[in-house]
Amino acid sequence: MAQAPAGSGPRRRAVLAAALAPLAVAGCTTQSARPTPGPKALPGDALIMIIRNGEQPPPGDTGEDDDGNEHPGALAGRGERRAEEIPRLFPPAARAPLPRPAALFATGGPSAPVRCKQTVEPLAASLHLPVRTEFAIGAEPALARVVLAARMPVLVCWEHHGIPRLVRALGAHRVLGVPAAWPDRHDLVWMFTRHQGRWSFHELPQHLLSGDA
């Protein structure tokens, strides 16, 4: 019977296995020792656009809700016109400056103003998408988690005083150029892009109505 080459028998295999075992353990230890990623390091890239609701009535005046009833949290006439024009921001052209949203969110809750939802309803109709309104002002951390897990791109229409909290919850508040507060304007789009774990920010004008900056 032919003899096996020297060093190729069971004894050598046992020696190799014993030598490789510490390396395998070290590899597993190194992987598990990596820092746990924070909210902004969730898998995949992200593109999130944020707008403020359209113009609201002046103090003491009321707009109308979707049923035509007077509602202090509804849009003013100019806000309604802005809502009607917002679909123009998202044309179907492949190289449009703003991509068409795949998910829409607006301020919700039982006592929330309806103007954020009203602002994106014409866009929702044109895109055949629902408007998700399960989050109220103050629930920005929960909203951020769902937004980051949603199909991209995402558009969020939010009350202006809650937008900085949303940006912080997304993990994008330290990006160069991000304002500390939303300015006193209704004609802007804030666009946050996350690529390879890094956020970038662009502020874009809407240019939808006469008088927009």
N, C-alpha and C. Protein backbone atom coordinates (compact mmCIF):
# COMPACT_ATOMS: atom_id res chain seq x y z
N MET A 1 0.86 -1.20 0.00
CA MET A 1 0.00 0.00 0.00
C MET A 1 0.89 1.24 0.00
N ALA A 2 0.57 2.26 -0.85
CA ALA A 2 1.37 3.49 -0.93
C ALA A 2 1.19 4.30 0.34
N GLN A 3 2.30 4.88 0.81
CA GLN A 3 2.25 5.69 2.02
C GLN A 3 1.86 7.13 1.67
N ALA A 4 1.10 7.78 2.56
CA ALA A 4 0.73 9.18 2.34
C ALA A 4 1.95 10.06 2.47
N PRO A 5 2.03 11.17 1.70
CA PRO A 5 3.16 12.07 1.80
C PRO A 5 3.33 12.53 3.23
N ALA A 6 4.61 12.80 3.57
CA ALA A 6 4.91 13.22 4.94
C ALA A 6 4.14 14.48 5.28
N GLY A 7 3.58 14.53 6.45
CA GLY A 7 2.89 15.74 6.92
C GLY A 7 1.52 15.92 6.36
N SER A 8 0.92 14.92 5.68
CA SER A 8 -0.41 15.09 5.11
C SER A 8 -1.46 14.26 5.81
N GLY A 9 -1.13 13.55 6.86
CA GLY A 9 -2.05 12.66 7.51
C GLY A 9 -2.90 13.36 8.54
N PRO A 10 -3.66 12.57 9.33
CA PRO A 10 -4.54 13.13 10.34
C PRO A 10 -3.82 13.98 11.35
N ARG A 11 -2.56 13.56 11.66
CA ARG A 11 -1.84 14.34 12.68
C ARG A 11 -1.59 15.77 12.19
N ARG A 12 -1.20 15.94 10.89
CA ARG A 12 -0.94 17.29 10.36
C ARG A 12 -2.22 18.11 10.33
N ARG A 13 -3.33 17.47 9.94
CA ARG A 13 -4.59 18.21 9.90
C ARG A 13 -4.98 18.68 11.29
N ALA A 14 -4.72 17.86 12.28
CA ALA A 14 -5.03 18.26 13.65
C ALA A 14 -4.16 19.43 14.09
N VAL A 15 -2.87 19.40 13.67
CA VAL A 15 -1.96 20.50 14.02
C VAL A 15 -2.41 21.80 13.37
N LEU A 16 -2.80 21.74 12.06
CA LEU A 16 -3.27 22.93 11.36
C LEU A 16 -4.52 23.49 12.01
N ALA A 17 -5.45 22.60 12.37
CA ALA A 17 -6.69 23.06 13.00
C ALA A 17 -6.39 23.77 14.30
N ALA A 18 -5.44 23.22 15.07
CA ALA A 18 -5.08 23.85 16.35
C ALA A 18 -4.43 25.19 16.13
N ALA A 19 -3.66 25.33 15.04
CA ALA A 19 -2.97 26.60 14.77
C ALA A 19 -3.93 27.67 14.29
N LEU A 20 -4.95 27.28 13.51
CA LEU A 20 -5.88 28.25 12.94
C LEU A 20 -6.97 28.66 13.92
N ALA A 21 -7.24 27.88 14.94
CA ALA A 21 -8.32 28.19 15.88
C ALA A 21 -8.17 29.56 16.52
N PRO A 22 -6.96 29.95 17.04
CA PRO A 22 -6.85 31.30 17.64
C PRO A 22 -7.13 32.41 16.66
N LEU A 23 -6.75 32.22 15.34
CA LEU A 23 -7.01 33.25 14.34
C LEU A 23 -8.50 33.42 14.11
N ALA A 24 -9.23 32.32 14.07
CA ALA A 24 -10.68 32.40 13.88
C ALA A 24 -11.33 33.12 15.04
N VAL A 25 -10.89 32.80 16.26
CA VAL A 25 -11.44 33.47 17.43
C VAL A 25 -11.12 34.94 17.41
N ALA A 26 -9.86 35.28 17.02
CA ALA A 26 -9.48 36.69 16.96
C ALA A 26 -10.31 37.44 15.95
N GLY A 27 -10.59 36.79 14.78
CA GLY A 27 -11.40 37.45 13.77
C GLY A 27 -12.79 37.74 14.27
N CYS A 28 -13.42 36.79 14.97
CA CYS A 28 -14.76 37.02 15.51
C CYS A 28 -14.74 38.11 16.56
N THR A 29 -13.69 38.12 17.38
CA THR A 29 -13.60 39.13 18.43
C THR A 29 -13.48 40.52 17.84
N THR A 30 -12.66 40.65 16.76
CA THR A 30 -12.48 41.96 16.13
C THR A 30 -13.80 42.46 15.55
N GLN A 31 -14.56 41.59 14.90
CA GLN A 31 -15.81 42.02 14.29
C GLN A 31 -16.81 42.48 15.33
N SER A 32 -16.92 41.74 16.44
CA SER A 32 -17.90 42.10 17.44
C SER A 32 -17.48 43.32 18.24
N ALA A 33 -16.17 43.71 18.15
CA ALA A 33 -15.70 44.85 18.91
C ALA A 33 -15.90 46.16 18.18
N ARG A 34 -16.39 46.11 16.93
CA ARG A 34 -16.64 47.34 16.20
C ARG A 34 -17.69 48.17 16.91
N PRO A 35 -17.58 49.54 16.84
CA PRO A 35 -18.59 50.38 17.50
C PRO A 35 -19.97 50.15 16.90
N THR A 36 -20.94 50.14 17.74
CA THR A 36 -22.32 50.01 17.28
C THR A 36 -22.74 51.29 16.56
N PRO A 37 -23.19 51.21 15.29
CA PRO A 37 -23.54 52.43 14.57
C PRO A 37 -24.73 53.12 15.19
N GLY A 38 -24.71 54.47 15.12
CA GLY A 38 -25.83 55.26 15.61
C GLY A 38 -26.92 55.36 14.57
N PRO A 39 -27.95 56.19 14.82
CA PRO A 39 -29.08 56.29 13.90
C PRO A 39 -28.68 56.69 12.49
N LYS A 40 -27.66 57.53 12.33
CA LYS A 40 -27.31 57.99 10.99
C LYS A 40 -26.52 56.95 10.21
N ALA A 41 -26.16 55.83 10.81
CA ALA A 41 -25.37 54.81 10.14
C ALA A 41 -26.21 53.59 9.78
N LEU A 42 -27.51 53.76 9.69
CA LEU A 42 -28.37 52.64 9.28
C LEU A 42 -28.00 52.20 7.87
N PRO A 43 -28.25 50.95 7.51
CA PRO A 43 -27.81 50.44 6.22
C PRO A 43 -28.40 51.24 5.07
N GLY A 44 -27.59 51.43 4.05
CA GLY A 44 -28.08 52.07 2.83
C GLY A 44 -27.94 53.57 2.84
N ASP A 45 -27.95 54.14 1.65
CA ASP A 45 -27.93 55.59 1.49
C ASP A 45 -29.33 56.14 1.73
N ALA A 46 -29.41 57.45 1.86
CA ALA A 46 -30.70 58.08 2.13
C ALA A 46 -30.77 59.43 1.43
N LEU A 47 -31.97 59.80 1.02
CA LEU A 47 -32.23 61.12 0.47
C LEU A 47 -33.56 61.59 1.04
N ILE A 48 -33.48 62.60 1.90
CA ILE A 48 -34.65 63.08 2.63
C ILE A 48 -34.82 64.56 2.36
N MET A 49 -36.01 64.92 1.90
CA MET A 49 -36.34 66.33 1.63
C MET A 49 -37.36 66.80 2.67
N ILE A 50 -37.15 68.00 3.19
CA ILE A 50 -38.03 68.56 4.20
C ILE A 50 -38.55 69.91 3.71
N ILE A 51 -39.84 70.10 3.83
CA ILE A 51 -40.44 71.39 3.52
C ILE A 51 -41.32 71.82 4.68
N ARG A 52 -41.55 73.10 4.73
CA ARG A 52 -42.50 73.64 5.69
C ARG A 52 -43.88 73.65 5.04
N ASN A 53 -44.92 73.66 5.86
CA ASN A 53 -46.27 73.77 5.30
C ASN A 53 -46.43 75.07 4.54
N GLY A 54 -47.43 75.12 3.69
CA GLY A 54 -47.75 76.36 3.00
C GLY A 54 -48.23 77.43 3.96
N GLU A 55 -48.39 78.63 3.44
CA GLU A 55 -48.73 79.77 4.28
C GLU A 55 -50.04 79.56 5.04
N GLN A 56 -50.04 79.93 6.31
CA GLN A 56 -51.22 79.83 7.15
C GLN A 56 -51.90 81.20 7.27
N PRO A 57 -53.15 81.23 7.69
CA PRO A 57 -53.84 82.51 7.87
C PRO A 57 -53.17 83.34 8.96
N PRO A 58 -53.34 84.65 8.92
CA PRO A 58 -52.80 85.50 9.99
C PRO A 58 -53.52 85.21 11.30
N PRO A 59 -52.91 85.60 12.43
CA PRO A 59 -53.55 85.36 13.73
C PRO A 59 -54.96 85.92 13.78
N GLY A 60 -55.88 85.12 14.30
CA GLY A 60 -57.27 85.53 14.40
C GLY A 60 -58.11 85.15 13.21
N ASP A 61 -57.46 84.70 12.14
CA ASP A 61 -58.21 84.29 10.94
C ASP A 61 -58.16 82.78 10.82
N THR A 62 -58.97 82.22 9.94
CA THR A 62 -59.02 80.77 9.77
C THR A 62 -59.00 80.41 8.30
N GLY A 63 -58.47 79.24 8.00
CA GLY A 63 -58.59 78.67 6.67
C GLY A 63 -59.69 77.63 6.68
N GLU A 64 -59.67 76.75 5.69
CA GLU A 64 -60.68 75.70 5.60
C GLU A 64 -60.02 74.35 5.55
N ASP A 65 -60.64 73.37 6.23
CA ASP A 65 -60.13 72.00 6.17
C ASP A 65 -60.59 71.34 4.87
N ASP A 66 -60.31 70.05 4.73
CA ASP A 66 -60.63 69.35 3.48
C ASP A 66 -62.13 69.25 3.23
N ASP A 67 -62.94 69.43 4.27
CA ASP A 67 -64.39 69.36 4.12
C ASP A 67 -65.02 70.74 3.93
N GLY A 68 -64.19 71.78 3.83
CA GLY A 68 -64.71 73.13 3.64
C GLY A 68 -65.12 73.82 4.92
N ASN A 69 -64.81 73.24 6.06
CA ASN A 69 -65.14 73.88 7.33
C ASN A 69 -64.00 74.77 7.79
N GLU A 70 -64.35 75.86 8.46
CA GLU A 70 -63.33 76.75 8.99
C GLU A 70 -62.45 76.00 9.99
N HIS A 71 -61.16 76.20 9.88
CA HIS A 71 -60.22 75.49 10.74
C HIS A 71 -59.01 76.40 10.97
N PRO A 72 -58.69 76.70 12.24
CA PRO A 72 -57.57 77.61 12.51
C PRO A 72 -56.21 77.03 12.12
N GLY A 73 -56.13 75.72 11.95
CA GLY A 73 -54.86 75.11 11.57
C GLY A 73 -54.76 74.79 10.09
N ALA A 74 -55.65 75.36 9.28
CA ALA A 74 -55.66 75.08 7.84
C ALA A 74 -54.82 76.12 7.10
N LEU A 75 -54.65 75.90 5.81
CA LEU A 75 -53.88 76.80 4.97
C LEU A 75 -54.67 78.05 4.62
N ALA A 76 -53.93 79.14 4.41
CA ALA A 76 -54.52 80.33 3.82
C ALA A 76 -54.63 80.13 2.31
N GLY A 77 -55.24 81.10 1.64
CA GLY A 77 -55.39 80.98 0.19
C GLY A 77 -54.06 80.83 -0.52
N ARG A 78 -53.05 81.60 -0.12
CA ARG A 78 -51.73 81.49 -0.75
C ARG A 78 -51.12 80.12 -0.45
N GLY A 79 -51.33 79.62 0.74
CA GLY A 79 -50.83 78.28 1.06
C GLY A 79 -51.49 77.22 0.21
N GLU A 80 -52.78 77.38 -0.05
CA GLU A 80 -53.47 76.42 -0.93
C GLU A 80 -52.90 76.47 -2.34
N ARG A 81 -52.60 77.67 -2.82
CA ARG A 81 -52.01 77.79 -4.16
C ARG A 81 -50.62 77.15 -4.20
N ARG A 82 -49.86 77.31 -3.11
CA ARG A 82 -48.54 76.68 -3.07
C ARG A 82 -48.69 75.16 -3.11
N ALA A 83 -49.63 74.64 -2.34
CA ALA A 83 -49.85 73.19 -2.34
C ALA A 83 -50.17 72.69 -3.74
N GLU A 84 -50.99 73.44 -4.47
CA GLU A 84 -51.36 73.03 -5.82
C GLU A 84 -50.16 73.02 -6.77
N GLU A 85 -49.17 73.89 -6.49
CA GLU A 85 -48.01 74.00 -7.36
C GLU A 85 -46.87 73.07 -6.98
N ILE A 86 -46.88 72.52 -5.79
CA ILE A 86 -45.75 71.71 -5.32
C ILE A 86 -45.44 70.53 -6.24
N PRO A 87 -46.43 69.89 -6.88
CA PRO A 87 -46.06 68.81 -7.81
C PRO A 87 -45.08 69.24 -8.91
N ARG A 88 -45.05 70.54 -9.22
CA ARG A 88 -44.11 71.00 -10.25
C ARG A 88 -42.66 70.89 -9.81
N LEU A 89 -42.43 70.77 -8.50
CA LEU A 89 -41.07 70.61 -8.01
C LEU A 89 -40.50 69.24 -8.35
N PHE A 90 -41.37 68.29 -8.67
CA PHE A 90 -40.94 66.91 -8.84
C PHE A 90 -41.40 66.37 -10.19
N PRO A 91 -40.87 66.92 -11.27
CA PRO A 91 -41.26 66.43 -12.60
C PRO A 91 -40.70 65.03 -12.83
N PRO A 92 -41.26 64.32 -13.80
CA PRO A 92 -40.82 62.94 -14.04
C PRO A 92 -39.47 62.84 -14.73
N ALA A 93 -38.93 63.96 -15.22
CA ALA A 93 -37.66 63.91 -15.94
C ALA A 93 -36.57 63.29 -15.07
N ALA A 94 -35.74 62.47 -15.70
CA ALA A 94 -34.71 61.75 -14.95
C ALA A 94 -33.71 62.68 -14.31
N ARG A 95 -33.47 63.85 -14.91
CA ARG A 95 -32.47 64.76 -14.39
C ARG A 95 -33.09 65.97 -13.72
N ALA A 96 -34.28 65.82 -13.22
CA ALA A 96 -34.92 66.92 -12.49
C ALA A 96 -34.12 67.26 -11.25
N PRO A 97 -34.12 68.53 -10.83
CA PRO A 97 -33.31 68.91 -9.66
C PRO A 97 -33.74 68.23 -8.38
N LEU A 98 -35.01 67.87 -8.27
CA LEU A 98 -35.50 67.17 -7.09
C LEU A 98 -36.09 65.83 -7.52
N PRO A 99 -35.69 64.74 -6.89
CA PRO A 99 -36.23 63.44 -7.27
C PRO A 99 -37.65 63.27 -6.77
N ARG A 100 -38.42 62.48 -7.46
CA ARG A 100 -39.80 62.23 -7.06
C ARG A 100 -39.83 61.37 -5.81
N PRO A 101 -40.56 61.81 -4.78
CA PRO A 101 -40.59 61.04 -3.53
C PRO A 101 -41.24 59.67 -3.73
N ALA A 102 -40.74 58.72 -2.96
CA ALA A 102 -41.35 57.39 -2.89
C ALA A 102 -42.15 57.21 -1.61
N ALA A 103 -42.04 58.17 -0.68
CA ALA A 103 -42.80 58.14 0.56
C ALA A 103 -43.03 59.57 1.02
N LEU A 104 -44.22 59.83 1.58
CA LEU A 104 -44.61 61.16 2.03
C LEU A 104 -45.04 61.11 3.48
N PHE A 105 -44.56 62.07 4.26
CA PHE A 105 -44.93 62.19 5.67
C PHE A 105 -45.36 63.62 5.94
N ALA A 106 -46.33 63.77 6.85
CA ALA A 106 -46.79 65.09 7.27
C ALA A 106 -47.16 65.04 8.74
N THR A 107 -47.15 66.20 9.37
CA THR A 107 -47.52 66.28 10.78
C THR A 107 -48.92 65.72 10.98
N GLY A 108 -49.08 64.89 12.03
CA GLY A 108 -50.38 64.30 12.32
C GLY A 108 -50.70 64.40 13.80
N GLY A 109 -51.58 63.55 14.23
CA GLY A 109 -52.03 63.58 15.62
C GLY A 109 -53.41 64.17 15.73
N PRO A 110 -54.15 63.84 16.78
CA PRO A 110 -55.54 64.27 16.91
C PRO A 110 -55.73 65.78 17.02
N SER A 111 -54.75 66.49 17.56
CA SER A 111 -54.90 67.94 17.73
C SER A 111 -53.97 68.73 16.83
N ALA A 112 -53.35 68.08 15.85
CA ALA A 112 -52.37 68.75 15.00
C ALA A 112 -53.07 69.64 13.97
N PRO A 113 -52.42 70.74 13.57
CA PRO A 113 -52.94 71.51 12.43
C PRO A 113 -52.97 70.63 11.19
N VAL A 114 -53.88 70.93 10.29
CA VAL A 114 -54.02 70.10 9.08
C VAL A 114 -53.20 70.66 7.92
N ARG A 115 -52.53 71.79 8.12
CA ARG A 115 -51.91 72.46 6.98
C ARG A 115 -50.73 71.67 6.37
N CYS A 116 -50.00 70.89 7.17
CA CYS A 116 -48.91 70.09 6.58
C CYS A 116 -49.48 69.04 5.64
N LYS A 117 -50.51 68.35 6.10
CA LYS A 117 -51.13 67.34 5.24
C LYS A 117 -51.74 67.99 4.00
N GLN A 118 -52.41 69.14 4.17
CA GLN A 118 -52.98 69.84 3.03
C GLN A 118 -51.90 70.24 2.02
N THR A 119 -50.72 70.58 2.51
CA THR A 119 -49.64 71.05 1.64
C THR A 119 -49.19 69.96 0.67
N VAL A 120 -49.19 68.71 1.10
CA VAL A 120 -48.66 67.65 0.23
C VAL A 120 -49.76 66.78 -0.39
N GLU A 121 -51.02 67.07 -0.11
CA GLU A 121 -52.08 66.26 -0.70
C GLU A 121 -52.11 66.31 -2.22
N PRO A 122 -51.95 67.48 -2.87
CA PRO A 122 -51.91 67.45 -4.34
C PRO A 122 -50.75 66.63 -4.90
N LEU A 123 -49.60 66.70 -4.24
CA LEU A 123 -48.46 65.89 -4.67
C LEU A 123 -48.76 64.42 -4.47
N ALA A 124 -49.36 64.06 -3.34
CA ALA A 124 -49.71 62.67 -3.10
C ALA A 124 -50.66 62.15 -4.17
N ALA A 125 -51.61 62.98 -4.57
CA ALA A 125 -52.55 62.56 -5.61
C ALA A 125 -51.84 62.34 -6.94
N SER A 126 -50.89 63.22 -7.26
CA SER A 126 -50.19 63.09 -8.55
C SER A 126 -49.26 61.90 -8.57
N LEU A 127 -48.72 61.53 -7.40
CA LEU A 127 -47.80 60.40 -7.33
C LEU A 127 -48.50 59.09 -6.96
N HIS A 128 -49.80 59.18 -6.62
CA HIS A 128 -50.57 58.00 -6.18
C HIS A 128 -49.93 57.37 -4.94
N LEU A 129 -49.60 58.24 -3.98
CA LEU A 129 -48.99 57.80 -2.74
C LEU A 129 -49.85 58.24 -1.56
N PRO A 130 -49.87 57.48 -0.48
CA PRO A 130 -50.54 57.95 0.74
C PRO A 130 -49.67 58.96 1.48
N VAL A 131 -50.31 59.78 2.28
CA VAL A 131 -49.58 60.68 3.17
C VAL A 131 -49.62 60.07 4.57
N ARG A 132 -48.47 59.76 5.10
CA ARG A 132 -48.40 59.14 6.43
C ARG A 132 -48.43 60.25 7.48
N THR A 133 -49.40 60.16 8.39
CA THR A 133 -49.60 61.21 9.39
C THR A 133 -49.70 60.63 10.79
N GLU A 134 -48.99 59.53 11.05
CA GLU A 134 -49.11 58.91 12.37
C GLU A 134 -48.23 59.55 13.43
N PHE A 135 -47.42 60.55 13.05
CA PHE A 135 -46.51 61.17 14.02
C PHE A 135 -46.91 62.62 14.28
N ALA A 136 -46.89 63.00 15.55
CA ALA A 136 -47.25 64.36 15.95
C ALA A 136 -46.00 65.16 16.25
N ILE A 137 -46.16 66.46 16.34
CA ILE A 137 -45.06 67.31 16.79
C ILE A 137 -44.57 66.82 18.15
N GLY A 138 -43.26 66.70 18.29
CA GLY A 138 -42.67 66.16 19.51
C GLY A 138 -42.23 64.72 19.37
N ALA A 139 -42.71 64.04 18.31
CA ALA A 139 -42.35 62.63 18.08
C ALA A 139 -41.29 62.52 17.00
N GLU A 140 -40.45 63.54 16.87
CA GLU A 140 -39.45 63.54 15.80
C GLU A 140 -38.47 62.37 15.85
N PRO A 141 -38.02 61.92 17.03
CA PRO A 141 -37.13 60.74 17.03
C PRO A 141 -37.79 59.49 16.43
N ALA A 142 -39.05 59.25 16.77
CA ALA A 142 -39.75 58.10 16.19
C ALA A 142 -39.96 58.29 14.69
N LEU A 143 -40.30 59.51 14.29
CA LEU A 143 -40.47 59.81 12.87
C LEU A 143 -39.16 59.55 12.12
N ALA A 144 -38.04 60.00 12.68
CA ALA A 144 -36.75 59.84 12.01
C ALA A 144 -36.43 58.36 11.78
N ARG A 145 -36.72 57.52 12.75
CA ARG A 145 -36.44 56.10 12.59
C ARG A 145 -37.24 55.51 11.44
N VAL A 146 -38.50 55.88 11.35
CA VAL A 146 -39.35 55.33 10.29
C VAL A 146 -38.95 55.92 8.94
N VAL A 147 -38.63 57.20 8.90
CA VAL A 147 -38.20 57.83 7.66
C VAL A 147 -36.94 57.17 7.11
N LEU A 148 -35.97 56.91 7.99
CA LEU A 148 -34.72 56.30 7.53
C LEU A 148 -34.90 54.86 7.06
N ALA A 149 -35.96 54.22 7.51
CA ALA A 149 -36.24 52.85 7.08
C ALA A 149 -37.16 52.79 5.87
N ALA A 150 -37.69 53.94 5.44
CA ALA A 150 -38.65 53.97 4.35
C ALA A 150 -37.95 53.88 3.01
N ARG A 151 -38.75 53.63 2.00
CA ARG A 151 -38.22 53.64 0.63
C ARG A 151 -37.83 55.06 0.26
N MET A 152 -36.66 55.22 -0.31
CA MET A 152 -36.15 56.53 -0.68
C MET A 152 -36.49 56.86 -2.12
N PRO A 153 -36.57 58.17 -2.43
CA PRO A 153 -36.45 59.36 -1.58
C PRO A 153 -37.71 59.57 -0.73
N VAL A 154 -37.55 60.36 0.34
CA VAL A 154 -38.64 60.67 1.25
C VAL A 154 -38.83 62.18 1.29
N LEU A 155 -40.10 62.60 1.33
CA LEU A 155 -40.43 64.01 1.54
C LEU A 155 -41.23 64.12 2.83
N VAL A 156 -40.79 65.04 3.70
CA VAL A 156 -41.47 65.29 4.97
C VAL A 156 -41.94 66.75 4.98
N CYS A 157 -43.21 66.97 5.22
CA CYS A 157 -43.75 68.31 5.42
C CYS A 157 -44.05 68.44 6.91
N TRP A 158 -43.37 69.39 7.57
CA TRP A 158 -43.41 69.44 9.02
C TRP A 158 -43.58 70.88 9.50
N GLU A 159 -44.12 71.02 10.72
CA GLU A 159 -44.21 72.34 11.34
C GLU A 159 -42.79 72.89 11.56
N HIS A 160 -42.58 74.17 11.26
CA HIS A 160 -41.22 74.69 11.18
C HIS A 160 -40.47 74.61 12.50
N HIS A 161 -41.17 74.76 13.64
CA HIS A 161 -40.47 74.72 14.91
C HIS A 161 -40.02 73.31 15.29
N GLY A 162 -40.57 72.29 14.63
CA GLY A 162 -40.15 70.92 14.90
C GLY A 162 -39.08 70.41 13.93
N ILE A 163 -38.82 71.17 12.87
CA ILE A 163 -37.86 70.70 11.87
C ILE A 163 -36.45 70.55 12.44
N PRO A 164 -35.93 71.50 13.23
CA PRO A 164 -34.59 71.27 13.81
C PRO A 164 -34.51 70.00 14.65
N ARG A 165 -35.57 69.66 15.37
CA ARG A 165 -35.55 68.42 16.15
C ARG A 165 -35.52 67.20 15.23
N LEU A 166 -36.22 67.28 14.11
CA LEU A 166 -36.19 66.18 13.15
C LEU A 166 -34.80 66.03 12.55
N VAL A 167 -34.17 67.14 12.18
CA VAL A 167 -32.82 67.08 11.61
C VAL A 167 -31.85 66.46 12.61
N ARG A 168 -31.98 66.85 13.88
CA ARG A 168 -31.12 66.29 14.91
C ARG A 168 -31.38 64.78 15.06
N ALA A 169 -32.65 64.39 15.03
CA ALA A 169 -32.98 62.97 15.18
C ALA A 169 -32.45 62.15 14.01
N LEU A 170 -32.35 62.75 12.84
CA LEU A 170 -31.77 62.07 11.68
C LEU A 170 -30.26 61.92 11.82
N GLY A 171 -29.65 62.71 12.70
CA GLY A 171 -28.20 62.69 12.84
C GLY A 171 -27.50 63.61 11.87
N ALA A 172 -28.23 64.58 11.28
CA ALA A 172 -27.66 65.46 10.26
C ALA A 172 -27.47 66.89 10.73
N HIS A 173 -27.63 67.15 12.02
CA HIS A 173 -27.61 68.53 12.50
C HIS A 173 -26.22 69.16 12.53
N ARG A 174 -25.18 68.36 12.47
CA ARG A 174 -23.82 68.90 12.51
C ARG A 174 -23.24 69.15 11.12
N VAL A 175 -24.01 68.92 10.09
CA VAL A 175 -23.53 69.11 8.73
C VAL A 175 -23.31 70.60 8.47
N LEU A 176 -22.22 70.91 7.78
CA LEU A 176 -21.89 72.29 7.47
C LEU A 176 -23.03 72.95 6.69
N GLY A 177 -23.45 74.11 7.15
CA GLY A 177 -24.47 74.89 6.45
C GLY A 177 -25.88 74.68 6.91
N VAL A 178 -26.14 73.71 7.77
CA VAL A 178 -27.51 73.48 8.24
C VAL A 178 -27.89 74.57 9.24
N PRO A 179 -28.94 75.36 8.96
CA PRO A 179 -29.33 76.41 9.91
C PRO A 179 -29.82 75.82 11.23
N ALA A 180 -29.67 76.61 12.28
CA ALA A 180 -30.13 76.15 13.60
C ALA A 180 -31.65 76.16 13.69
N ALA A 181 -32.32 76.96 12.87
CA ALA A 181 -33.78 77.05 12.88
C ALA A 181 -34.26 77.26 11.44
N TRP A 182 -35.49 76.86 11.21
CA TRP A 182 -36.08 77.11 9.89
C TRP A 182 -36.35 78.61 9.76
N PRO A 183 -35.94 79.24 8.66
CA PRO A 183 -36.18 80.68 8.51
C PRO A 183 -37.66 81.00 8.34
N ASP A 184 -37.99 82.25 8.42
CA ASP A 184 -39.38 82.69 8.31
C ASP A 184 -39.80 82.70 6.84
N ARG A 185 -39.81 81.53 6.24
CA ARG A 185 -40.14 81.38 4.82
C ARG A 185 -40.88 80.07 4.60
N HIS A 186 -41.70 80.06 3.54
CA HIS A 186 -42.44 78.85 3.17
C HIS A 186 -41.97 78.30 1.83
N ASP A 187 -40.98 78.92 1.22
CA ASP A 187 -40.62 78.62 -0.17
C ASP A 187 -39.26 77.93 -0.30
N LEU A 188 -38.94 77.05 0.67
CA LEU A 188 -37.65 76.37 0.64
C LEU A 188 -37.82 74.85 0.68
N VAL A 189 -36.80 74.18 0.21
CA VAL A 189 -36.67 72.73 0.37
C VAL A 189 -35.31 72.47 0.99
N TRP A 190 -35.29 71.75 2.10
CA TRP A 190 -34.03 71.28 2.67
C TRP A 190 -33.82 69.84 2.23
N MET A 191 -32.67 69.59 1.61
CA MET A 191 -32.39 68.25 1.10
C MET A 191 -31.17 67.69 1.82
N PHE A 192 -31.35 66.54 2.45
CA PHE A 192 -30.28 65.85 3.16
C PHE A 192 -29.99 64.53 2.44
N THR A 193 -28.73 64.36 2.09
CA THR A 193 -28.30 63.14 1.40
C THR A 193 -27.25 62.43 2.24
N ARG A 194 -27.48 61.16 2.48
CA ARG A 194 -26.49 60.35 3.20
C ARG A 194 -25.88 59.34 2.25
N HIS A 195 -24.55 59.41 2.13
CA HIS A 195 -23.83 58.50 1.24
C HIS A 195 -22.62 57.98 1.99
N GLN A 196 -22.52 56.66 2.06
CA GLN A 196 -21.43 56.00 2.79
C GLN A 196 -21.32 56.52 4.22
N GLY A 197 -22.47 56.72 4.84
CA GLY A 197 -22.50 57.12 6.24
C GLY A 197 -22.31 58.60 6.50
N ARG A 198 -22.14 59.41 5.46
CA ARG A 198 -21.91 60.85 5.63
C ARG A 198 -23.08 61.65 5.07
N TRP A 199 -23.54 62.62 5.83
CA TRP A 199 -24.63 63.48 5.40
C TRP A 199 -24.10 64.70 4.66
N SER A 200 -24.85 65.15 3.67
CA SER A 200 -24.63 66.45 3.04
C SER A 200 -25.95 67.20 3.00
N PHE A 201 -25.89 68.51 2.84
CA PHE A 201 -27.09 69.35 2.95
C PHE A 201 -27.11 70.37 1.82
N HIS A 202 -28.32 70.57 1.26
CA HIS A 202 -28.54 71.62 0.27
C HIS A 202 -29.87 72.29 0.58
N GLU A 203 -29.89 73.59 0.48
CA GLU A 203 -31.12 74.36 0.62
C GLU A 203 -31.49 74.89 -0.76
N LEU A 204 -32.71 74.57 -1.21
CA LEU A 204 -33.14 74.91 -2.56
C LEU A 204 -34.39 75.78 -2.51
N PRO A 205 -34.48 76.81 -3.34
CA PRO A 205 -35.70 77.61 -3.42
C PRO A 205 -36.77 76.90 -4.23
N GLN A 206 -38.03 77.15 -3.88
CA GLN A 206 -39.12 76.52 -4.62
C GLN A 206 -39.46 77.28 -5.90
N HIS A 207 -39.48 78.60 -5.85
CA HIS A 207 -39.83 79.41 -7.04
C HIS A 207 -41.17 78.99 -7.63
N LEU A 208 -42.17 78.87 -6.79
CA LEU A 208 -43.48 78.40 -7.26
C LEU A 208 -44.49 79.53 -7.43
N LEU A 209 -44.43 80.53 -6.55
CA LEU A 209 -45.42 81.61 -6.56
C LEU A 209 -44.72 82.95 -6.72
N SER A 210 -45.47 83.91 -7.23
CA SER A 210 -44.95 85.28 -7.30
C SER A 210 -44.61 85.76 -5.89
N GLY A 211 -43.43 86.31 -5.74
CA GLY A 211 -42.99 86.76 -4.42
C GLY A 211 -42.06 85.78 -3.73
N ASP A 212 -41.94 84.56 -4.25
CA ASP A 212 -40.96 83.63 -3.68
C ASP A 212 -39.56 84.18 -3.92
N ALA A 213 -38.71 84.03 -2.93
CA ALA A 213 -37.35 84.59 -3.04
C ALA A 213 -36.55 83.81 -4.09
